[in-house]
C-alpha atoms as a PDB file:
ATOM      1  CA  MET A   1     -17.517 -21.216 -46.576  1.00  0.00           C
ATOM      2  CA  SER A   2     -16.694 -19.075 -43.960  1.00  0.00           C
ATOM      3  CA  ILE A   3     -13.473 -17.879 -42.607  1.00  0.00           C
ATOM      4  CA  SER A   4     -15.351 -17.978 -39.197  1.00  0.00           C
ATOM      5  CA  ASN A   5     -15.964 -21.180 -38.925  1.00  0.00           C
ATOM      6  CA  PRO A   6     -13.445 -23.177 -36.430  1.00  0.00           C
ATOM      7  CA  SER A   7     -12.446 -25.754 -38.586  1.00  0.00           C
ATOM      8  CA  ASN A   8     -11.634 -23.941 -41.545  1.00  0.00           C
ATOM      9  CA  ILE A   9      -9.405 -22.062 -39.908  1.00  0.00           C
ATOM     10  CA  ALA A  10      -7.685 -24.822 -38.623  1.00  0.00           C
ATOM     11  CA  SER A  11      -7.792 -26.297 -42.045  1.00  0.00           C
ATOM     12  CA  ALA A  12      -6.290 -23.278 -43.669  1.00  0.00           C
ATOM     13  CA  ILE A  13      -2.949 -23.178 -40.134  1.00  0.00           C
ATOM     14  CA  GLN A  14      -2.890 -26.624 -41.156  1.00  0.00           C
ATOM     15  CA  VAL A  15      -2.347 -26.132 -44.727  1.00  0.00           C
ATOM     16  CA  GLY A  16      -0.073 -23.045 -44.546  1.00  0.00           C
ATOM     17  CA  SER A  17       2.363 -25.058 -41.891  1.00  0.00           C
ATOM     18  CA  ILE A  18       2.725 -27.634 -44.401  1.00  0.00           C
ATOM     19  CA  ALA A  19       3.556 -25.342 -47.174  1.00  0.00           C
ATOM     20  CA  SER A  20       5.938 -23.803 -44.484  1.00  0.00           C
ATOM     21  CA  LYS A  21       7.828 -26.670 -43.621  1.00  0.00           C
ATOM     22  CA  THR A  22       8.493 -28.227 -47.068  1.00  0.00           C
ATOM     23  CA  LEU A  23       9.416 -24.604 -48.168  1.00  0.00           C
ATOM     24  CA  GLN A  24      11.299 -24.726 -45.446  1.00  0.00           C
ATOM     25  CA  LYS A  25      13.006 -28.325 -46.128  1.00  0.00           C
ATOM     26  CA  ILE A  26      13.343 -27.518 -50.473  1.00  0.00           C
ATOM     27  CA  ALA A  27      14.418 -23.754 -49.741  1.00  0.00           C
ATOM     28  CA  PRO A  28      18.795 -24.296 -48.749  1.00  0.00           C
ATOM     29  CA  ILE A  29      18.312 -27.119 -52.491  1.00  0.00           C
ATOM     30  CA  VAL A  30      16.808 -25.013 -54.450  1.00  0.00           C
ATOM     31  CA  SER A  31      19.490 -22.035 -53.250  1.00  0.00           C
ATOM     32  CA  GLU A  32      22.314 -24.153 -53.360  1.00  0.00           C
ATOM     33  CA  ALA A  33      21.492 -25.531 -56.929  1.00  0.00           C
ATOM     34  CA  PHE A  34      20.795 -21.275 -57.646  1.00  0.00           C
ATOM     35  CA  ILE A  35      24.437 -20.505 -56.580  1.00  0.00           C
ATOM     36  CA  GLU A  36      26.108 -22.741 -58.340  1.00  0.00           C
ATOM     37  CA  SER A  37      24.850 -22.224 -61.375  1.00  0.00           C
ATOM     38  CA  ILE A  38      25.564 -18.956 -60.670  1.00  0.00           C
ATOM     39  CA  GLU A  39      29.414 -19.986 -60.009  1.00  0.00           C
ATOM     40  CA  VAL A  40      29.558 -22.334 -63.116  1.00  0.00           C
ATOM     41  CA  GLU A  41      28.585 -18.996 -65.755  1.00  0.00           C
ATOM     42  CA  GLN A  42      30.233 -16.845 -63.722  1.00  0.00           C
ATOM     43  CA  LYS A  43      33.344 -19.242 -63.986  1.00  0.00           C
ATOM     44  CA  GLN A  44      32.612 -19.380 -67.724  1.00  0.00           C
ATOM     45  CA  LYS A  45      32.274 -15.981 -68.665  1.00  0.00           C
ATOM     46  CA  TYR A  46      35.238 -15.480 -67.252  1.00  0.00           C
ATOM     47  CA  LYS A  47      37.050 -18.009 -69.237  1.00  0.00           C
ATOM     48  CA  SER A  48      35.810 -16.712 -72.520  1.00  0.00           C
ATOM     49  CA  SER A  49      36.851 -13.740 -71.402  1.00  0.00           C
ATOM     50  CA  LYS A  50      40.481 -14.524 -70.944  1.00  0.00           C
ATOM     51  CA  ASP A  51      40.476 -16.506 -74.294  1.00  0.00           C
END
């Protein structure tokens, strides 16, 4: 597989584009879930420190 082969370059660009689009779709969902888990953890810590 030669990097200078135009079809290999086009294929690599296509794969990169698909991966990038997929990450753009899932990143907000993952970020939201992560933020929610941090909020829950912080609330639990606050609750336990009040008791």
